[in-house]
Amino acid sequence: MVKLNLEGNFVNDLPEGLWLWKYPDGKKKEEGIFTKGKRTGVWNFYDDAGNMTLEKNYDIEDTLQVDADDSKFLDKKLRP
C-alpha cells in the first residue's frame, strides 16, 4: 500500500483552495483547486518519477495528456 501526503484546507467542511497530493518521497502526485468542494480549473497529475502525465481542466472538461515516452501531446474530449 502506498501512503500519500496531502495538503489542503476545508471551509464549511468542504475542500477549498489549492490541494496537493505527494508521493512518500515528497514528489507531487496531483495538484489543483477546489471551489466549494468541487474540482475547478486546471489540475496536474504526475507519475512517481515527477513527470506530468495529465493536465485536466475541470471548467471545460477537456484533457491534455502528456505521453511520457515521446513527449507528444494528445488531446482528448471527455464523454459521459
N, C-alpha and C. Protein backbone atom coordinates (compact mmCIF):
# COMPACT_ATOMS: atom_id res chain seq x y z
N MET A 1 0.84 -1.18 0.00
CA MET A 1 0.00 0.00 0.00
C MET A 1 0.89 1.24 0.00
N VAL A 2 0.56 2.20 -0.87
CA VAL A 2 1.31 3.45 -0.97
C VAL A 2 0.65 4.49 -0.09
N LYS A 3 1.43 5.13 0.77
CA LYS A 3 0.91 6.18 1.63
C LYS A 3 1.21 7.53 0.99
N LEU A 4 0.18 8.35 0.80
CA LEU A 4 0.34 9.66 0.18
C LEU A 4 0.22 10.75 1.22
N ASN A 5 0.99 11.82 1.02
CA ASN A 5 0.87 13.01 1.85
C ASN A 5 -0.12 13.94 1.18
N LEU A 6 -0.86 14.69 1.96
CA LEU A 6 -1.92 15.54 1.45
C LEU A 6 -1.86 16.90 2.13
N GLU A 7 -2.00 17.97 1.33
CA GLU A 7 -2.06 19.32 1.86
C GLU A 7 -3.27 20.02 1.27
N GLY A 8 -4.09 20.62 2.11
CA GLY A 8 -5.26 21.35 1.63
C GLY A 8 -6.06 21.89 2.79
N ASN A 9 -7.03 22.72 2.49
CA ASN A 9 -7.86 23.36 3.51
C ASN A 9 -9.33 23.04 3.30
N PHE A 10 -10.08 23.14 4.38
CA PHE A 10 -11.53 22.99 4.34
C PHE A 10 -12.18 24.30 4.76
N VAL A 11 -13.28 24.64 4.11
CA VAL A 11 -14.13 25.76 4.51
C VAL A 11 -15.55 25.21 4.57
N ASN A 12 -16.19 25.34 5.71
CA ASN A 12 -17.54 24.78 5.92
C ASN A 12 -17.58 23.29 5.58
N ASP A 13 -16.55 22.56 6.02
CA ASP A 13 -16.43 21.11 5.83
C ASP A 13 -16.27 20.68 4.37
N LEU A 14 -15.93 21.60 3.47
CA LEU A 14 -15.71 21.27 2.06
C LEU A 14 -14.28 21.64 1.67
N PRO A 15 -13.64 20.83 0.81
CA PRO A 15 -12.31 21.21 0.33
C PRO A 15 -12.37 22.56 -0.39
N GLU A 16 -11.36 23.41 -0.14
CA GLU A 16 -11.35 24.76 -0.72
C GLU A 16 -9.91 25.18 -0.99
N GLY A 17 -9.69 25.81 -2.15
CA GLY A 17 -8.37 26.33 -2.48
C GLY A 17 -7.45 25.26 -3.04
N LEU A 18 -6.15 25.55 -3.00
CA LEU A 18 -5.14 24.65 -3.56
C LEU A 18 -4.99 23.39 -2.72
N TRP A 19 -5.02 22.24 -3.39
CA TRP A 19 -4.78 20.95 -2.75
C TRP A 19 -3.62 20.28 -3.46
N LEU A 20 -2.79 19.59 -2.69
CA LEU A 20 -1.60 18.95 -3.22
C LEU A 20 -1.44 17.57 -2.60
N TRP A 21 -1.36 16.54 -3.45
CA TRP A 21 -1.06 15.19 -3.01
C TRP A 21 0.40 14.92 -3.37
N LYS A 22 1.13 14.23 -2.47
CA LYS A 22 2.53 13.91 -2.72
C LYS A 22 2.78 12.43 -2.49
N TYR A 23 3.74 11.90 -3.26
CA TYR A 23 4.22 10.55 -3.01
C TYR A 23 5.02 10.55 -1.70
N PRO A 24 5.27 9.38 -1.11
CA PRO A 24 6.02 9.32 0.15
C PRO A 24 7.39 10.00 0.09
N ASP A 25 8.01 10.06 -1.10
CA ASP A 25 9.32 10.70 -1.21
C ASP A 25 9.22 12.22 -1.36
N GLY A 26 7.98 12.77 -1.34
CA GLY A 26 7.79 14.21 -1.40
C GLY A 26 7.51 14.77 -2.78
N LYS A 27 7.62 13.96 -3.83
CA LYS A 27 7.32 14.43 -5.18
C LYS A 27 5.81 14.58 -5.36
N LYS A 28 5.42 15.56 -6.18
CA LYS A 28 4.00 15.79 -6.43
C LYS A 28 3.36 14.59 -7.12
N LYS A 29 2.12 14.31 -6.73
CA LYS A 29 1.31 13.29 -7.40
C LYS A 29 0.15 13.95 -8.14
N GLU A 30 -0.48 14.94 -7.48
CA GLU A 30 -1.66 15.59 -8.03
C GLU A 30 -1.79 16.95 -7.37
N GLU A 31 -2.21 17.97 -8.16
CA GLU A 31 -2.43 19.29 -7.58
C GLU A 31 -3.52 20.01 -8.35
N GLY A 32 -4.31 20.79 -7.61
CA GLY A 32 -5.36 21.57 -8.24
C GLY A 32 -6.19 22.32 -7.22
N ILE A 33 -7.18 23.04 -7.72
CA ILE A 33 -8.01 23.93 -6.91
C ILE A 33 -9.40 23.33 -6.69
N PHE A 34 -9.85 23.41 -5.46
CA PHE A 34 -11.24 23.10 -5.12
C PHE A 34 -11.98 24.40 -4.88
N THR A 35 -13.22 24.48 -5.35
CA THR A 35 -14.11 25.60 -5.07
C THR A 35 -15.42 25.03 -4.55
N LYS A 36 -15.73 25.31 -3.30
CA LYS A 36 -16.94 24.79 -2.65
C LYS A 36 -17.05 23.27 -2.79
N GLY A 37 -15.92 22.58 -2.62
CA GLY A 37 -15.91 21.12 -2.63
C GLY A 37 -15.82 20.47 -3.99
N LYS A 38 -15.73 21.26 -5.07
CA LYS A 38 -15.65 20.70 -6.42
C LYS A 38 -14.32 21.09 -7.06
N ARG A 39 -13.76 20.15 -7.83
CA ARG A 39 -12.54 20.45 -8.57
C ARG A 39 -12.84 21.49 -9.63
N THR A 40 -12.00 22.52 -9.71
CA THR A 40 -12.17 23.57 -10.70
C THR A 40 -10.83 23.90 -11.34
N GLY A 41 -10.89 24.50 -12.51
CA GLY A 41 -9.67 24.92 -13.18
C GLY A 41 -8.80 23.76 -13.62
N VAL A 42 -7.53 24.06 -13.82
CA VAL A 42 -6.58 23.08 -14.32
C VAL A 42 -5.97 22.29 -13.17
N TRP A 43 -6.00 20.97 -13.31
CA TRP A 43 -5.37 20.06 -12.36
C TRP A 43 -4.24 19.34 -13.08
N ASN A 44 -3.13 19.13 -12.38
CA ASN A 44 -1.98 18.43 -12.94
C ASN A 44 -1.76 17.13 -12.19
N PHE A 45 -1.41 16.08 -12.94
CA PHE A 45 -1.17 14.76 -12.38
C PHE A 45 0.23 14.32 -12.79
N TYR A 46 0.95 13.65 -11.86
CA TYR A 46 2.35 13.30 -12.07
C TYR A 46 2.58 11.82 -11.77
N ASP A 47 3.57 11.23 -12.46
CA ASP A 47 3.96 9.86 -12.12
C ASP A 47 4.96 9.91 -10.97
N ASP A 48 5.38 8.74 -10.50
CA ASP A 48 6.26 8.70 -9.32
C ASP A 48 7.68 9.18 -9.61
N ALA A 49 8.00 9.43 -10.88
CA ALA A 49 9.30 10.00 -11.24
C ALA A 49 9.25 11.53 -11.29
N GLY A 50 8.04 12.10 -11.10
CA GLY A 50 7.89 13.55 -11.11
C GLY A 50 7.50 14.14 -12.45
N ASN A 51 7.23 13.29 -13.44
CA ASN A 51 6.84 13.76 -14.77
C ASN A 51 5.33 13.99 -14.83
N MET A 52 4.92 15.14 -15.38
CA MET A 52 3.50 15.39 -15.53
C MET A 52 2.94 14.43 -16.58
N THR A 53 1.89 13.71 -16.22
CA THR A 53 1.31 12.72 -17.12
C THR A 53 -0.06 13.15 -17.64
N LEU A 54 -0.71 14.08 -16.94
CA LEU A 54 -2.04 14.50 -17.37
C LEU A 54 -2.31 15.90 -16.85
N GLU A 55 -2.90 16.72 -17.71
CA GLU A 55 -3.39 18.04 -17.31
C GLU A 55 -4.86 18.08 -17.68
N LYS A 56 -5.71 18.32 -16.69
CA LYS A 56 -7.15 18.31 -16.94
C LYS A 56 -7.76 19.61 -16.47
N ASN A 57 -8.58 20.22 -17.35
CA ASN A 57 -9.28 21.45 -17.00
C ASN A 57 -10.71 21.07 -16.63
N TYR A 58 -11.03 21.16 -15.35
CA TYR A 58 -12.36 20.79 -14.88
C TYR A 58 -13.42 21.82 -15.24
N ASP A 59 -13.02 23.00 -15.70
CA ASP A 59 -14.00 24.01 -16.11
C ASP A 59 -14.56 23.72 -17.50
N ILE A 60 -13.74 23.15 -18.39
CA ILE A 60 -14.20 22.89 -19.75
C ILE A 60 -14.26 21.40 -20.08
N GLU A 61 -13.88 20.55 -19.14
CA GLU A 61 -13.93 19.10 -19.27
C GLU A 61 -13.11 18.58 -20.45
N ASP A 62 -12.04 19.27 -20.80
CA ASP A 62 -11.08 18.77 -21.77
C ASP A 62 -9.86 18.29 -21.01
N THR A 63 -9.12 17.39 -21.61
CA THR A 63 -7.87 16.97 -21.01
C THR A 63 -6.76 17.13 -22.02
N LEU A 64 -5.58 17.36 -21.51
CA LEU A 64 -4.38 17.37 -22.32
C LEU A 64 -3.47 16.34 -21.69
N GLN A 65 -3.23 15.26 -22.39
CA GLN A 65 -2.45 14.16 -21.84
C GLN A 65 -1.04 14.22 -22.40
N VAL A 66 -0.06 14.08 -21.52
CA VAL A 66 1.34 14.07 -21.93
C VAL A 66 1.79 12.62 -21.98
N ASP A 67 2.24 12.19 -23.14
CA ASP A 67 2.78 10.85 -23.29
C ASP A 67 4.24 10.88 -22.86
N ALA A 68 4.55 10.28 -21.72
CA ALA A 68 5.88 10.36 -21.14
C ALA A 68 6.94 9.70 -22.03
N ASP A 69 6.55 8.74 -22.87
CA ASP A 69 7.52 8.04 -23.71
C ASP A 69 8.12 8.92 -24.79
N ASP A 70 7.30 9.74 -25.43
CA ASP A 70 7.83 10.54 -26.53
C ASP A 70 7.44 12.01 -26.44
N SER A 71 6.88 12.43 -25.31
CA SER A 71 6.53 13.83 -25.05
C SER A 71 5.55 14.41 -26.06
N LYS A 72 4.78 13.57 -26.76
CA LYS A 72 3.74 14.08 -27.65
C LYS A 72 2.51 14.44 -26.82
N PHE A 73 1.80 15.45 -27.26
CA PHE A 73 0.58 15.86 -26.58
C PHE A 73 -0.62 15.28 -27.31
N LEU A 74 -1.51 14.67 -26.55
CA LEU A 74 -2.70 14.06 -27.12
C LEU A 74 -3.92 14.74 -26.53
N ASP A 75 -4.73 15.36 -27.38
CA ASP A 75 -5.96 15.99 -26.91
C ASP A 75 -7.06 14.96 -26.84
N LYS A 76 -7.85 15.02 -25.77
CA LYS A 76 -8.99 14.12 -25.62
C LYS A 76 -10.17 14.90 -25.09
N LYS A 77 -11.35 14.62 -25.60
CA LYS A 77 -12.58 15.20 -25.08
C LYS A 77 -13.26 14.15 -24.21
N LEU A 78 -13.58 14.51 -22.99
CA LEU A 78 -14.25 13.57 -22.09
C LEU A 78 -15.69 13.39 -22.50
N ARG A 79 -16.16 12.19 -22.42
CA ARG A 79 -17.56 11.89 -22.73
C ARG A 79 -18.16 11.14 -21.55
N PRO A 80 -19.42 11.43 -21.22
CA PRO A 80 -20.06 10.74 -20.09
C PRO A 80 -20.22 9.25 -20.34
